[in-house]
Amino acid sequence: MARRTKKVGICGKYGTRYGATLRKLLKKIEVQQHSKYTCVFCGKDNVKRVATGIWKCGSCQKTQAGGAYVLATPAATSVRSNISRLRKARAEN
């Protein structure tokens, strides 16, 4: 199959509509949302988005909540690290 797009990738379906900047932002989001992520339960790269905020592993069939477009949002990652840091500090005292 011939290669159809060089730059636009998944946003080729929008053609020349909506402006280049918005299409670039949309490309970033759509690539993240359609990619596979690593499962925290079985360790395989098989977690896919089922619906908004719902992610399911194809191997172990575990369903988990996450971000709308990404499995782990930056805010959730920082909260998780802060909680673990505070638990560690509490355990030392």
C-alpha atoms as a PDB file:
ATOM      1  CA  MET A   1       0.000   0.000   0.000  1.00  0.00           C
ATOM      2  CA  ALA A   2       1.373   3.388  -0.959  1.00  0.00           C
ATOM      3  CA  ARG A   3       2.136   5.966   1.663  1.00  0.00           C
ATOM      4  CA  ARG A   4      -0.549   8.641   1.526  1.00  0.00           C
ATOM      5  CA  THR A   5       0.586  11.336   3.945  1.00  0.00           C
ATOM      6  CA  LYS A   6       4.010  12.564   4.922  1.00  0.00           C
ATOM      7  CA  LYS A   7       3.341  15.273   7.503  1.00  0.00           C
ATOM      8  CA  VAL A   8      -0.290  15.225   8.499  1.00  0.00           C
ATOM      9  CA  GLY A   9      -0.649  11.565   9.447  1.00  0.00           C
ATOM     10  CA  ILE A  10      -3.937  10.769  11.163  1.00  0.00           C
ATOM     11  CA  CYS A  11      -5.242  14.302  10.530  1.00  0.00           C
ATOM     12  CA  GLY A  12      -5.266  13.810   6.768  1.00  0.00           C
ATOM     13  CA  LYS A  13      -8.972  13.077   7.079  1.00  0.00           C
ATOM     14  CA  TYR A  14      -9.618  16.758   7.840  1.00  0.00           C
ATOM     15  CA  GLY A  15      -8.043  17.987   4.591  1.00  0.00           C
ATOM     16  CA  THR A  16      -7.412  21.733   4.534  1.00  0.00           C
ATOM     17  CA  ARG A  17     -10.142  22.511   7.072  1.00  0.00           C
ATOM     18  CA  TYR A  18      -9.786  23.955  10.613  1.00  0.00           C
ATOM     19  CA  GLY A  19      -6.299  25.490  10.250  1.00  0.00           C
ATOM     20  CA  ALA A  20      -2.820  24.020  10.561  1.00  0.00           C
ATOM     21  CA  THR A  21      -2.307  24.791  14.258  1.00  0.00           C
ATOM     22  CA  LEU A  22      -5.527  23.104  15.356  1.00  0.00           C
ATOM     23  CA  ARG A  23      -4.807  20.087  13.174  1.00  0.00           C
ATOM     24  CA  LYS A  24      -1.335  19.742  14.756  1.00  0.00           C
ATOM     25  CA  LEU A  25      -2.847  19.818  18.249  1.00  0.00           C
ATOM     26  CA  LEU A  26      -5.481  17.309  17.211  1.00  0.00           C
ATOM     27  CA  LYS A  27      -2.843  15.035  15.695  1.00  0.00           C
ATOM     28  CA  LYS A  28      -0.961  14.922  18.985  1.00  0.00           C
ATOM     29  CA  ILE A  29      -4.118  14.037  20.906  1.00  0.00           C
ATOM     30  CA  GLU A  30      -5.360  11.437  18.420  1.00  0.00           C
ATOM     31  CA  VAL A  31      -2.005   9.671  18.216  1.00  0.00           C
ATOM     32  CA  GLN A  32      -1.926   9.429  22.028  1.00  0.00           C
ATOM     33  CA  GLN A  33      -5.476   8.180  22.269  1.00  0.00           C
ATOM     34  CA  HIS A  34      -5.082   5.457  19.636  1.00  0.00           C
ATOM     35  CA  SER A  35      -1.721   4.126  20.838  1.00  0.00           C
ATOM     36  CA  LYS A  36      -1.272   1.124  23.117  1.00  0.00           C
ATOM     37  CA  TYR A  37      -0.082   1.571  26.690  1.00  0.00           C
ATOM     38  CA  THR A  38       1.617  -0.727  29.201  1.00  0.00           C
ATOM     39  CA  CYS A  39      -0.686  -2.589  31.570  1.00  0.00           C
ATOM     40  CA  VAL A  40       0.175  -2.079  35.247  1.00  0.00           C
ATOM     41  CA  PHE A  41      -1.226  -5.519  36.115  1.00  0.00           C
ATOM     42  CA  CYS A  42       0.358  -7.854  33.534  1.00  0.00           C
ATOM     43  CA  GLY A  43       3.110  -5.614  32.106  1.00  0.00           C
ATOM     44  CA  LYS A  44       2.183  -6.062  28.434  1.00  0.00           C
ATOM     45  CA  ASP A  45       1.746  -3.224  25.942  1.00  0.00           C
ATOM     46  CA  ASN A  46      -1.873  -4.014  25.310  1.00  0.00           C
ATOM     47  CA  VAL A  47      -4.020  -1.340  26.996  1.00  0.00           C
ATOM     48  CA  LYS A  48      -6.357   0.417  24.579  1.00  0.00           C
ATOM     49  CA  ARG A  49      -9.014   3.073  25.011  1.00  0.00           C
ATOM     50  CA  VAL A  50     -12.562   1.723  25.112  1.00  0.00           C
ATOM     51  CA  ALA A  51     -14.413   4.988  25.767  1.00  0.00           C
ATOM     52  CA  THR A  52     -13.675   8.384  27.304  1.00  0.00           C
ATOM     53  CA  GLY A  53     -11.536   7.683  30.382  1.00  0.00           C
ATOM     54  CA  ILE A  54     -11.994   3.882  30.208  1.00  0.00           C
ATOM     55  CA  TRP A  55      -8.990   1.748  29.270  1.00  0.00           C
ATOM     56  CA  LYS A  56      -8.907  -2.033  28.903  1.00  0.00           C
ATOM     57  CA  CYS A  57      -6.032  -4.508  28.632  1.00  0.00           C
ATOM     58  CA  GLY A  58      -6.454  -7.005  25.819  1.00  0.00           C
ATOM     59  CA  SER A  59      -4.353  -9.641  27.583  1.00  0.00           C
ATOM     60  CA  CYS A  60      -5.590  -9.761  31.175  1.00  0.00           C
ATOM     61  CA  GLN A  61      -8.984  -8.124  30.452  1.00  0.00           C
ATOM     62  CA  LYS A  62      -8.553  -5.656  33.338  1.00  0.00           C
ATOM     63  CA  THR A  63     -10.413  -2.377  32.965  1.00  0.00           C
ATOM     64  CA  GLN A  64      -9.017   0.779  34.501  1.00  0.00           C
ATOM     65  CA  ALA A  65      -9.899   4.434  34.675  1.00  0.00           C
ATOM     66  CA  GLY A  66      -7.556   7.003  33.213  1.00  0.00           C
ATOM     67  CA  GLY A  67      -7.508  10.243  31.310  1.00  0.00           C
ATOM     68  CA  ALA A  68      -9.771  10.998  28.376  1.00  0.00           C
ATOM     69  CA  TYR A  69      -6.997  10.771  25.778  1.00  0.00           C
ATOM     70  CA  VAL A  70      -4.012   9.341  27.720  1.00  0.00           C
ATOM     71  CA  LEU A  71      -3.962   6.466  30.215  1.00  0.00           C
ATOM     72  CA  ALA A  72      -2.019   8.411  32.862  1.00  0.00           C
ATOM     73  CA  THR A  73      -2.477  12.185  32.814  1.00  0.00           C
ATOM     74  CA  PRO A  74       0.348  14.466  34.003  1.00  0.00           C
ATOM     75  CA  ALA A  75      -1.789  15.583  36.950  1.00  0.00           C
ATOM     76  CA  ALA A  76      -2.455  11.991  38.012  1.00  0.00           C
ATOM     77  CA  THR A  77       1.245  11.161  37.756  1.00  0.00           C
ATOM     78  CA  SER A  78       2.232  14.081  39.997  1.00  0.00           C
ATOM     79  CA  VAL A  79      -0.470  13.197  42.540  1.00  0.00           C
ATOM     80  CA  ARG A  80       0.719   9.580  42.616  1.00  0.00           C
ATOM     81  CA  SER A  81       4.322  10.642  43.215  1.00  0.00           C
ATOM     82  CA  ASN A  82       3.297  13.102  45.952  1.00  0.00           C
ATOM     83  CA  ILE A  83       1.226  10.449  47.739  1.00  0.00           C
ATOM     84  CA  SER A  84       4.095   7.950  47.651  1.00  0.00           C
ATOM     85  CA  ARG A  85       6.511  10.614  48.917  1.00  0.00           C
ATOM     86  CA  LEU A  86       4.199  11.477  51.815  1.00  0.00           C
ATOM     87  CA  ARG A  87       3.669   7.793  52.685  1.00  0.00           C
ATOM     88  CA  LYS A  88       7.427   7.305  52.732  1.00  0.00           C
ATOM     89  CA  ALA A  89       7.877  10.319  54.998  1.00  0.00           C
ATOM     90  CA  ARG A  90       5.168   9.077  57.357  1.00  0.00           C
ATOM     91  CA  ALA A  91       6.736   5.604  57.519  1.00  0.00           C
ATOM     92  CA  GLU A  92      10.110   7.052  58.497  1.00  0.00           C
ATOM     93  CA  ASN A  93       8.620   8.992  61.439  1.00  0.00           C
END
